[in-house]
């Protein structure tokens, strides 16, 4: 696995809810059905702390936000 962290944070399809994982399914949680912010995963060159530069890092932002440290993650669900 290469280039999963350190370049840009990545938009994913999930909506954000701070308490979602408390009530989510144990296997393959899809995220809430709606919301006002989308999930960002990973870490980018702008993060300064080592715990932020993880492929599993989870953040959120409104969907129309853009920056030079945010890209997107391609995934396929059968």
PDB file of N, CA and C in Angstrom:
ATOM      1  N   UNK A   1       0.858  -1.163   0.000  1.00  0.00           N
ATOM      2  CA  UNK A   1       0.000   0.000   0.000  1.00  0.00           C
ATOM      3  C   UNK A   1       0.909   1.231   0.000  1.00  0.00           C
ATOM      4  N   UNK A   2       0.665   2.107  -0.964  1.00  0.00           N
ATOM      5  CA  UNK A   2       1.498   3.293  -1.095  1.00  0.00           C
ATOM      6  C   UNK A   2       0.648   4.555  -1.148  1.00  0.00           C
ATOM      7  N   UNK A   3       1.204   5.646  -0.725  1.00  0.00           N
ATOM      8  CA  UNK A   3       0.603   6.977  -0.845  1.00  0.00           C
ATOM      9  C   UNK A   3      -0.784   7.085  -0.219  1.00  0.00           C
ATOM     10  N   UNK A   4      -0.991   6.451   0.919  1.00  0.00           N
ATOM     11  CA  UNK A   4      -2.289   6.565   1.590  1.00  0.00           C
ATOM     12  C   UNK A   4      -2.327   7.717   2.584  1.00  0.00           C
ATOM     13  N   UNK A   5      -1.196   8.284   2.884  1.00  0.00           N
ATOM     14  CA  UNK A   5      -1.165   9.336   3.886  1.00  0.00           C
ATOM     15  C   UNK A   5      -0.040  10.322   3.580  1.00  0.00           C
ATOM     16  N   UNK A   6      -0.259  11.557   3.960  1.00  0.00           N
ATOM     17  CA  UNK A   6       0.795  12.539   3.853  1.00  0.00           C
ATOM     18  C   UNK A   6       0.688  13.476   2.673  1.00  0.00           C
ATOM     19  N   UNK A   7      -0.080  13.127   1.657  1.00  0.00           N
ATOM     20  CA  UNK A   7      -0.230  14.007   0.504  1.00  0.00           C
ATOM     21  C   UNK A   7      -1.427  14.929   0.711  1.00  0.00           C
ATOM     22  N   UNK A   8      -2.621  14.377   0.641  1.00  0.00           N
ATOM     23  CA  UNK A   8      -3.839  15.164   0.863  1.00  0.00           C
ATOM     24  C   UNK A   8      -4.819  14.359   1.697  1.00  0.00           C
ATOM     25  N   UNK A   9      -5.674  15.059   2.441  1.00  0.00           N
ATOM     26  CA  UNK A   9      -6.821  14.397   3.056  1.00  0.00           C
ATOM     27  C   UNK A   9      -7.776  14.075   1.922  1.00  0.00           C
ATOM     28  N   UNK A  10      -8.623  13.091   2.120  1.00  0.00           N
ATOM     29  CA  UNK A  10      -9.468  12.628   1.025  1.00  0.00           C
ATOM     30  C   UNK A  10     -10.940  12.665   1.401  1.00  0.00           C
ATOM     31  N   UNK A  11     -11.747  13.270   0.511  1.00  0.00           N
ATOM     32  CA  UNK A  11     -13.201  13.222   0.670  1.00  0.00           C
ATOM     33  C   UNK A  11     -13.656  11.785   0.517  1.00  0.00           C
ATOM     34  N   UNK A  12     -14.602  11.375   1.329  1.00  0.00           N
ATOM     35  CA  UNK A  12     -15.273  10.086   1.153  1.00  0.00           C
ATOM     36  C   UNK A  12     -16.772  10.348   1.058  1.00  0.00           C
ATOM     37  N   UNK A  13     -17.562   9.364   0.689  1.00  0.00           N
ATOM     38  CA  UNK A  13     -18.991   9.556   0.435  1.00  0.00           C
ATOM     39  C   UNK A  13     -19.813   9.759   1.707  1.00  0.00           C
ATOM     40  N   UNK A  14     -19.292   9.379   2.862  1.00  0.00           N
ATOM     41  CA  UNK A  14     -20.066   9.422   4.103  1.00  0.00           C
ATOM     42  C   UNK A  14     -20.381  10.841   4.557  1.00  0.00           C
ATOM     43  N   UNK A  15     -21.598  11.016   5.045  1.00  0.00           N
ATOM     44  CA  UNK A  15     -21.947  12.223   5.793  1.00  0.00           C
ATOM     45  C   UNK A  15     -21.341  12.090   7.179  1.00  0.00           C
ATOM     46  N   UNK A  16     -21.122  13.201   7.856  1.00  0.00           N
ATOM     47  CA  UNK A  16     -20.518  13.193   9.179  1.00  0.00           C
ATOM     48  C   UNK A  16     -21.573  13.324  10.263  1.00  0.00           C
ATOM     49  N   UNK A  17     -21.422  12.519  11.306  1.00  0.00           N
ATOM     50  CA  UNK A  17     -22.180  12.658  12.553  1.00  0.00           C
ATOM     51  C   UNK A  17     -21.224  12.273  13.674  1.00  0.00           C
ATOM     52  N   UNK A  18     -21.009  13.168  14.615  1.00  0.00           N
ATOM     53  CA  UNK A  18     -20.053  12.935  15.687  1.00  0.00           C
ATOM     54  C   UNK A  18     -20.320  11.694  16.514  1.00  0.00           C
ATOM     55  N   UNK A  19     -21.584  11.317  16.641  1.00  0.00           N
ATOM     56  CA  UNK A  19     -21.940  10.158  17.464  1.00  0.00           C
ATOM     57  C   UNK A  19     -22.295   8.930  16.628  1.00  0.00           C
ATOM     58  N   UNK A  20     -22.010   8.936  15.354  1.00  0.00           N
ATOM     59  CA  UNK A  20     -22.440   7.837  14.478  1.00  0.00           C
ATOM     60  C   UNK A  20     -21.879   6.485  14.898  1.00  0.00           C
ATOM     61  N   UNK A  21     -20.604   6.407  15.264  1.00  0.00           N
ATOM     62  CA  UNK A  21     -20.001   5.113  15.575  1.00  0.00           C
ATOM     63  C   UNK A  21     -20.523   4.504  16.874  1.00  0.00           C
ATOM     64  N   UNK A  22     -21.194   5.281  17.693  1.00  0.00           N
ATOM     65  CA  UNK A  22     -21.801   4.738  18.910  1.00  0.00           C
ATOM     66  C   UNK A  22     -22.961   3.805  18.550  1.00  0.00           C
ATOM     67  N   UNK A  23     -23.704   4.154  17.488  1.00  0.00           N
ATOM     68  CA  UNK A  23     -24.895   3.377  17.112  1.00  0.00           C
ATOM     69  C   UNK A  23     -24.778   2.698  15.743  1.00  0.00           C
ATOM     70  N   UNK A  24     -23.608   2.714  15.132  1.00  0.00           N
ATOM     71  CA  UNK A  24     -23.443   2.157  13.781  1.00  0.00           C
ATOM     72  C   UNK A  24     -23.311   0.634  13.813  1.00  0.00           C
ATOM     73  N   UNK A  25     -23.517  -0.013  12.666  1.00  0.00           N
ATOM     74  CA  UNK A  25     -23.275  -1.455  12.599  1.00  0.00           C
ATOM     75  C   UNK A  25     -21.792  -1.755  12.812  1.00  0.00           C
ATOM     76  N   UNK A  26     -21.491  -2.931  13.319  1.00  0.00           N
ATOM     77  CA  UNK A  26     -20.105  -3.310  13.577  1.00  0.00           C
ATOM     78  C   UNK A  26     -19.324  -3.520  12.282  1.00  0.00           C
ATOM     79  N   UNK A  27     -19.980  -4.039  11.251  1.00  0.00           N
ATOM     80  CA  UNK A  27     -19.306  -4.339   9.987  1.00  0.00           C
ATOM     81  C   UNK A  27     -19.705  -3.349   8.904  1.00  0.00           C
ATOM     82  N   UNK A  28     -18.725  -2.746   8.268  1.00  0.00           N
ATOM     83  CA  UNK A  28     -18.908  -1.870   7.123  1.00  0.00           C
ATOM     84  C   UNK A  28     -19.937  -0.768   7.346  1.00  0.00           C
ATOM     85  N   UNK A  29     -19.736   0.093   8.335  1.00  0.00           N
ATOM     86  CA  UNK A  29     -20.686   1.192   8.541  1.00  0.00           C
ATOM     87  C   UNK A  29     -20.659   2.156   7.349  1.00  0.00           C
ATOM     88  N   UNK A  30     -21.811   2.532   6.861  1.00  0.00           N
ATOM     89  CA  UNK A  30     -21.926   3.371   5.663  1.00  0.00           C
ATOM     90  C   UNK A  30     -22.046   4.856   5.972  1.00  0.00           C
ATOM     91  N   UNK A  31     -22.198   5.226   7.215  1.00  0.00           N
ATOM     92  CA  UNK A  31     -22.399   6.626   7.572  1.00  0.00           C
ATOM     93  C   UNK A  31     -23.874   6.971   7.587  1.00  0.00           C
ATOM     94  N   UNK A  32     -24.230   8.118   8.165  1.00  0.00           N
ATOM     95  CA  UNK A  32     -25.630   8.514   8.230  1.00  0.00           C
ATOM     96  C   UNK A  32     -26.191   8.791   6.827  1.00  0.00           C
ATOM     97  N   UNK A  33     -27.513   8.815   6.713  1.00  0.00           N
ATOM     98  CA  UNK A  33     -28.168   9.047   5.425  1.00  0.00           C
ATOM     99  C   UNK A  33     -28.075  10.491   4.949  1.00  0.00           C
ATOM    100  N   UNK A  34     -27.869  11.425   5.871  1.00  0.00           N
ATOM    101  CA  UNK A  34     -27.774  12.831   5.486  1.00  0.00           C
ATOM    102  C   UNK A  34     -27.004  13.601   6.547  1.00  0.00           C
ATOM    103  N   UNK A  35     -26.755  14.864   6.284  1.00  0.00           N
ATOM    104  CA  UNK A  35     -26.029  15.695   7.230  1.00  0.00           C
ATOM    105  C   UNK A  35     -25.663  17.021   6.588  1.00  0.00           C
ATOM    106  N   UNK A  36     -24.848  17.803   7.285  1.00  0.00           N
ATOM    107  CA  UNK A  36     -24.410  19.083   6.725  1.00  0.00           C
ATOM    108  C   UNK A  36     -22.920  19.080   6.393  1.00  0.00           C
ATOM    109  N   UNK A  37     -22.192  18.058   6.837  1.00  0.00           N
ATOM    110  CA  UNK A  37     -20.758  17.956   6.564  1.00  0.00           C
ATOM    111  C   UNK A  37     -20.435  16.552   6.058  1.00  0.00           C
ATOM    112  N   UNK A  38     -19.408  16.465   5.225  1.00  0.00           N
ATOM    113  CA  UNK A  38     -18.921  15.185   4.709  1.00  0.00           C
ATOM    114  C   UNK A  38     -17.617  14.817   5.410  1.00  0.00           C
ATOM    115  N   UNK A  39     -17.306  13.523   5.386  1.00  0.00           N
ATOM    116  CA  UNK A  39     -16.120  13.012   6.064  1.00  0.00           C
ATOM    117  C   UNK A  39     -14.884  13.164   5.174  1.00  0.00           C
ATOM    118  N   UNK A  40     -13.779  13.533   5.802  1.00  0.00           N
ATOM    119  CA  UNK A  40     -12.453  13.528   5.192  1.00  0.00           C
ATOM    120  C   UNK A  40     -11.641  12.451   5.897  1.00  0.00           C
ATOM    121  N   UNK A  41     -10.863  11.686   5.136  1.00  0.00           N
ATOM    122  CA  UNK A  41     -10.024  10.631   5.727  1.00  0.00           C
ATOM    123  C   UNK A  41      -8.558  10.880   5.403  1.00  0.00           C
ATOM    124  N   UNK A  42      -7.699  10.327   6.230  1.00  0.00           N
ATOM    125  CA  UNK A  42      -6.267  10.407   6.003  1.00  0.00           C
ATOM    126  C   UNK A  42      -5.665  11.679   6.570  1.00  0.00           C
ATOM    127  N   UNK A  43      -4.407  11.883   6.248  1.00  0.00           N
ATOM    128  CA  UNK A  43      -3.694  13.065   6.687  1.00  0.00           C
ATOM    129  C   UNK A  43      -3.016  13.730   5.512  1.00  0.00           C
ATOM    130  N   UNK A  44      -2.713  14.985   5.650  1.00  0.00           N
ATOM    131  CA  UNK A  44      -2.083  15.713   4.551  1.00  0.00           C
ATOM    132  C   UNK A  44      -0.797  16.368   5.010  1.00  0.00           C
ATOM    133  N   UNK A  45      -0.135  17.003   4.085  1.00  0.00           N
ATOM    134  CA  UNK A  45       1.119  17.690   4.367  1.00  0.00           C
ATOM    135  C   UNK A  45       0.928  18.863   5.324  1.00  0.00           C
ATOM    136  N   UNK A  46      -0.302  19.333   5.492  1.00  0.00           N
ATOM    137  CA  UNK A  46      -0.536  20.484   6.361  1.00  0.00           C
ATOM    138  C   UNK A  46      -0.629  20.105   7.853  1.00  0.00           C
ATOM    139  N   UNK A  47      -0.914  18.831   8.142  1.00  0.00           N
ATOM    140  CA  UNK A  47      -0.988  18.399   9.537  1.00  0.00           C
ATOM    141  C   UNK A  47       0.396  18.395  10.163  1.00  0.00           C
ATOM    142  N   UNK A  48       0.486  18.884  11.386  1.00  0.00           N
ATOM    143  CA  UNK A  48       1.775  19.021  12.053  1.00  0.00           C
ATOM    144  C   UNK A  48       2.035  17.949  13.105  1.00  0.00           C
ATOM    145  N   UNK A  49       0.996  17.303  13.585  1.00  0.00           N
ATOM    146  CA  UNK A  49       1.151  16.307  14.645  1.00  0.00           C
ATOM    147  C   UNK A  49       1.111  14.898  14.044  1.00  0.00           C
ATOM    148  N   UNK A  50       1.945  14.009  14.553  1.00  0.00           N
ATOM    149  CA  UNK A  50       2.074  12.672  13.981  1.00  0.00           C
ATOM    150  C   UNK A  50       0.767  11.875  14.057  1.00  0.00           C
ATOM    151  N   UNK A  51      -0.040  12.080  15.093  1.00  0.00           N
ATOM    152  CA  UNK A  51      -1.290  11.333  15.191  1.00  0.00           C
ATOM    153  C   UNK A  51      -2.311  11.781  14.138  1.00  0.00           C
ATOM    154  N   UNK A  52      -2.114  12.937  13.512  1.00  0.00           N
ATOM    155  CA  UNK A  52      -3.015  13.398  12.468  1.00  0.00           C
ATOM    156  C   UNK A  52      -2.662  12.807  11.100  1.00  0.00           C
ATOM    157  N   UNK A  53      -1.451  12.328  10.948  1.00  0.00           N
ATOM    158  CA  UNK A  53      -0.994  11.797   9.663  1.00  0.00           C
ATOM    159  C   UNK A  53      -1.146  10.277   9.669  1.00  0.00           C
ATOM    160  N   UNK A  54      -2.391   9.834   9.725  1.00  0.00           N
ATOM    161  CA  UNK A  54      -2.740   8.413   9.713  1.00  0.00           C
ATOM    162  C   UNK A  54      -3.766   8.179   8.613  1.00  0.00           C
ATOM    163  N   UNK A  55      -3.713   7.037   7.945  1.00  0.00           N
ATOM    164  CA  UNK A  55      -4.702   6.759   6.907  1.00  0.00           C
ATOM    165  C   UNK A  55      -6.103   6.653   7.497  1.00  0.00           C
ATOM    166  N   UNK A  56      -6.230   6.333   8.779  1.00  0.00           N
ATOM    167  CA  UNK A  56      -7.537   6.206   9.421  1.00  0.00           C
ATOM    168  C   UNK A  56      -8.013   7.507  10.060  1.00  0.00           C
ATOM    169  N   UNK A  57      -7.239   8.579   9.971  1.00  0.00           N
ATOM    170  CA  UNK A  57      -7.656   9.859  10.540  1.00  0.00           C
ATOM    171  C   UNK A  57      -9.012  10.261   9.955  1.00  0.00           C
ATOM    172  N   UNK A  58      -9.891  10.794  10.787  1.00  0.00           N
ATOM    173  CA  UNK A  58     -11.245  11.158  10.355  1.00  0.00           C
ATOM    174  C   UNK A  58     -11.517  12.604  10.746  1.00  0.00           C
ATOM    175  N   UNK A  59     -11.896  13.400   9.754  1.00  0.00           N
ATOM    176  CA  UNK A  59     -12.251  14.798   9.973  1.00  0.00           C
ATOM    177  C   UNK A  59     -13.521  15.076   9.178  1.00  0.00           C
ATOM    178  N   UNK A  60     -13.987  16.313   9.190  1.00  0.00           N
ATOM    179  CA  UNK A  60     -15.192  16.651   8.419  1.00  0.00           C
ATOM    180  C   UNK A  60     -15.131  18.095   7.957  1.00  0.00           C
ATOM    181  N   UNK A  61     -15.918  18.375   6.929  1.00  0.00           N
ATOM    182  CA  UNK A  61     -15.995  19.720   6.372  1.00  0.00           C
ATOM    183  C   UNK A  61     -17.271  19.822   5.542  1.00  0.00           C
ATOM    184  N   UNK A  62     -17.762  21.037   5.335  1.00  0.00           N
ATOM    185  CA  UNK A  62     -18.938  21.211   4.486  1.00  0.00           C
ATOM    186  C   UNK A  62     -18.574  20.820   3.055  1.00  0.00           C
ATOM    187  N   UNK A  63     -19.513  20.245   2.294  1.00  0.00           N
ATOM    188  CA  UNK A  63     -19.183  19.680   0.981  1.00  0.00           C
ATOM    189  C   UNK A  63     -18.640  20.662  -0.056  1.00  0.00           C
ATOM    190  N   UNK A  64     -18.937  21.935   0.049  1.00  0.00           N
ATOM    191  CA  UNK A  64     -18.449  22.868  -0.970  1.00  0.00           C
ATOM    192  C   UNK A  64     -17.092  23.493  -0.618  1.00  0.00           C
ATOM    193  N   UNK A  65     -16.450  23.007   0.437  1.00  0.00           N
ATOM    194  CA  UNK A  65     -15.137  23.495   0.835  1.00  0.00           C
ATOM    195  C   UNK A  65     -14.069  22.917  -0.094  1.00  0.00           C
ATOM    196  N   UNK A  66     -13.084  23.706  -0.437  1.00  0.00           N
ATOM    197  CA  UNK A  66     -11.958  23.191  -1.219  1.00  0.00           C
ATOM    198  C   UNK A  66     -10.660  23.770  -0.684  1.00  0.00           C
ATOM    199  N   UNK A  67      -9.584  23.037  -0.894  1.00  0.00           N
ATOM    200  CA  UNK A  67      -8.274  23.460  -0.437  1.00  0.00           C
ATOM    201  C   UNK A  67      -7.217  22.653  -1.178  1.00  0.00           C
ATOM    202  N   UNK A  68      -5.981  23.120  -1.140  1.00  0.00           N
ATOM    203  CA  UNK A  68      -4.908  22.391  -1.805  1.00  0.00           C
ATOM    204  C   UNK A  68      -4.408  21.195  -0.998  1.00  0.00           C
ATOM    205  N   UNK A  69      -4.960  20.945   0.168  1.00  0.00           N
ATOM    206  CA  UNK A  69      -4.580  19.761   0.938  1.00  0.00           C
ATOM    207  C   UNK A  69      -5.715  18.740   1.027  1.00  0.00           C
ATOM    208  N   UNK A  70      -6.741  18.879   0.165  1.00  0.00           N
ATOM    209  CA  UNK A  70      -7.858  17.935   0.135  1.00  0.00           C
ATOM    210  C   UNK A  70      -8.032  17.394  -1.276  1.00  0.00           C
ATOM    211  N   UNK A  71      -8.113  16.073  -1.383  1.00  0.00           N
ATOM    212  CA  UNK A  71      -8.358  15.396  -2.649  1.00  0.00           C
ATOM    213  C   UNK A  71      -9.573  14.508  -2.508  1.00  0.00           C
ATOM    214  N   UNK A  72      -9.584  13.352  -3.151  1.00  0.00           N
ATOM    215  CA  UNK A  72     -10.691  12.425  -2.984  1.00  0.00           C
ATOM    216  C   UNK A  72     -10.184  10.999  -2.998  1.00  0.00           C
ATOM    217  N   UNK A  73     -10.962  10.111  -2.409  1.00  0.00           N
ATOM    218  CA  UNK A  73     -10.618   8.706  -2.311  1.00  0.00           C
ATOM    219  C   UNK A  73     -11.585   7.907  -3.181  1.00  0.00           C
ATOM    220  N   UNK A  74     -11.048   7.101  -4.056  1.00  0.00           N
ATOM    221  CA  UNK A  74     -11.871   6.248  -4.907  1.00  0.00           C
ATOM    222  C   UNK A  74     -12.043   4.897  -4.232  1.00  0.00           C
ATOM    223  N   UNK A  75     -13.251   4.430  -4.195  1.00  0.00           N
ATOM    224  CA  UNK A  75     -13.538   3.126  -3.595  1.00  0.00           C
ATOM    225  C   UNK A  75     -14.695   2.487  -4.344  1.00  0.00           C
ATOM    226  N   UNK A  76     -14.796   1.193  -4.241  1.00  0.00           N
ATOM    227  CA  UNK A  76     -15.865   0.455  -4.902  1.00  0.00           C
ATOM    228  C   UNK A  76     -16.561  -0.413  -3.876  1.00  0.00           C
ATOM    229  N   UNK A  77     -17.886  -0.364  -3.875  1.00  0.00           N
ATOM    230  CA  UNK A  77     -18.662  -1.232  -2.998  1.00  0.00           C
ATOM    231  C   UNK A  77     -19.507  -2.133  -3.868  1.00  0.00           C
ATOM    232  N   UNK A  78     -19.333  -3.429  -3.729  1.00  0.00           N
ATOM    233  CA  UNK A  78     -20.124  -4.374  -4.555  1.00  0.00           C
ATOM    234  C   UNK A  78     -21.595  -4.337  -4.198  1.00  0.00           C
TER     235      UNK A  78
END
